[in-house]
Amino acid sequence: MAYQSRFASEKVDDFFEAILALETKEDCYRFFEDVCTASEIVSMAQRLQVAKMLLDDCTYQDIATLTGVSSATISRVKRSLNYGADGYTTVFAKLKAKQEEELE
């Protein structure tokens, strides 16, 4: 069964298709620099870092100290990890598989 997001629409589908068309980090930098503000990009990157640290069993205090994010952001990411759509889990699994493939 395909995942059904509460945000699904033709516009959002088109946006995700555009992201999926990106092939390199440079493509990503160029696209996201045009689409997002600098603070939005940094915030998304921080949330990914927070998720990784939570999965590595880091404490809220360590995460806040190392990333500079608020406890509210850490809690929001934790809630997504526990009750979300498994997006972080999917991304980390794919990154791990890619890394293992590159080592072969």
Protein backbone atom coordinates (compact mmCIF):
# COMPACT_ATOMS: atom_id res chain seq x y z
CA MET A 1 0.00 0.00 0.00
CA ALA A 2 1.37 3.43 -0.95
CA TYR A 3 1.86 6.05 1.72
CA GLN A 4 -0.84 8.71 1.80
CA SER A 5 0.32 12.05 3.19
CA ARG A 6 -2.06 14.60 4.59
CA PHE A 7 -0.20 17.12 2.39
CA ALA A 8 -0.68 15.22 -0.86
CA SER A 9 -1.68 17.38 -3.79
CA GLU A 10 -0.65 17.86 -7.39
CA LYS A 11 1.49 20.85 -6.39
CA VAL A 12 3.30 18.87 -3.69
CA ASP A 13 3.72 15.94 -6.08
CA ASP A 14 5.32 18.30 -8.61
CA PHE A 15 7.63 19.70 -5.92
CA PHE A 16 8.78 16.23 -4.86
CA GLU A 17 9.27 15.18 -8.50
CA ALA A 18 11.54 18.22 -8.87
CA ILE A 19 13.55 17.11 -5.83
CA LEU A 20 13.79 13.56 -7.14
CA ALA A 21 15.18 14.95 -10.42
CA LEU A 22 18.20 16.41 -8.62
CA GLU A 23 21.28 14.29 -9.22
CA THR A 24 24.15 15.94 -7.36
CA LYS A 25 24.79 17.89 -4.19
CA GLU A 26 25.47 20.91 -6.37
CA ASP A 27 22.02 20.49 -7.94
CA CYS A 28 20.56 20.34 -4.43
CA TYR A 29 22.42 23.44 -3.26
CA ARG A 30 21.26 25.40 -6.31
CA PHE A 31 17.63 24.29 -6.09
CA PHE A 32 17.20 24.66 -2.35
CA GLU A 33 18.99 28.01 -2.33
CA ASP A 34 16.36 29.24 -4.79
CA VAL A 35 13.39 27.58 -3.06
CA CYS A 36 14.21 28.07 0.64
CA THR A 37 15.64 30.75 2.84
CA ALA A 38 19.06 30.10 4.33
CA SER A 39 17.50 29.63 7.77
CA GLU A 40 15.01 27.06 6.40
CA ILE A 41 17.85 25.02 4.90
CA VAL A 42 19.86 25.20 8.12
CA SER A 43 16.78 24.23 10.17
CA MET A 44 16.10 21.17 8.04
CA ALA A 45 19.75 20.14 8.22
CA GLN A 46 19.72 20.58 12.00
CA ARG A 47 16.60 18.43 12.35
CA LEU A 48 18.28 15.64 10.40
CA GLN A 49 21.33 15.93 12.66
CA VAL A 50 19.10 15.88 15.75
CA ALA A 51 17.31 12.75 14.50
CA LYS A 52 20.62 10.99 13.96
CA MET A 53 21.81 11.96 17.43
CA LEU A 54 18.55 10.80 19.04
CA LEU A 55 18.86 7.46 17.27
CA ASP A 56 22.43 7.29 18.61
CA ASP A 57 20.97 7.74 22.13
CA CYS A 58 22.44 11.19 22.75
CA THR A 59 20.87 13.20 25.56
CA TYR A 60 18.79 16.30 24.93
CA GLN A 61 21.49 18.36 26.67
CA ASP A 62 24.26 16.98 24.45
CA ILE A 63 22.16 17.54 21.34
CA ALA A 64 21.31 21.11 22.33
CA THR A 65 24.94 21.87 23.14
CA LEU A 66 26.34 20.36 19.94
CA THR A 67 23.68 21.61 17.52
CA GLY A 68 22.40 24.80 19.09
CA VAL A 69 18.77 23.74 18.65
CA SER A 70 16.12 24.25 21.29
CA SER A 71 14.65 21.50 23.42
CA ALA A 72 11.34 22.16 21.62
CA THR A 73 12.97 21.26 18.29
CA ILE A 74 14.55 18.16 19.81
CA SER A 75 11.15 17.12 21.18
CA ARG A 76 9.49 17.71 17.81
CA VAL A 77 12.06 15.52 16.07
CA LYS A 78 11.72 12.86 18.78
CA ARG A 79 7.95 12.87 18.28
CA SER A 80 8.47 12.41 14.52
CA LEU A 81 10.82 9.51 15.17
CA ASN A 82 8.29 7.86 17.48
CA TYR A 83 4.98 8.68 15.84
CA GLY A 84 5.76 10.13 12.42
CA ALA A 85 5.74 8.74 8.90
CA ASP A 86 9.11 6.96 9.27
CA GLY A 87 10.77 9.49 6.96
CA TYR A 88 13.91 9.80 9.06
CA THR A 89 14.18 6.03 9.38
CA THR A 90 13.81 5.62 5.63
CA VAL A 91 16.45 8.24 4.86
CA PHE A 92 18.96 6.82 7.33
CA ALA A 93 18.45 3.28 6.01
CA LYS A 94 18.99 4.48 2.44
CA LEU A 95 22.09 6.47 3.42
CA LYS A 96 23.50 3.42 5.22
CA ALA A 97 22.84 1.19 2.21
CA LYS A 98 24.48 3.73 -0.10
CA GLN A 99 27.50 3.96 2.18
CA GLU A 100 27.83 0.15 2.32
CA GLU A 101 27.49 -0.05 -1.47
CA GLU A 102 30.27 2.51 -1.90
CA LEU A 103 32.56 0.45 0.36
CA GLU A 104 32.16 -2.66 -1.80
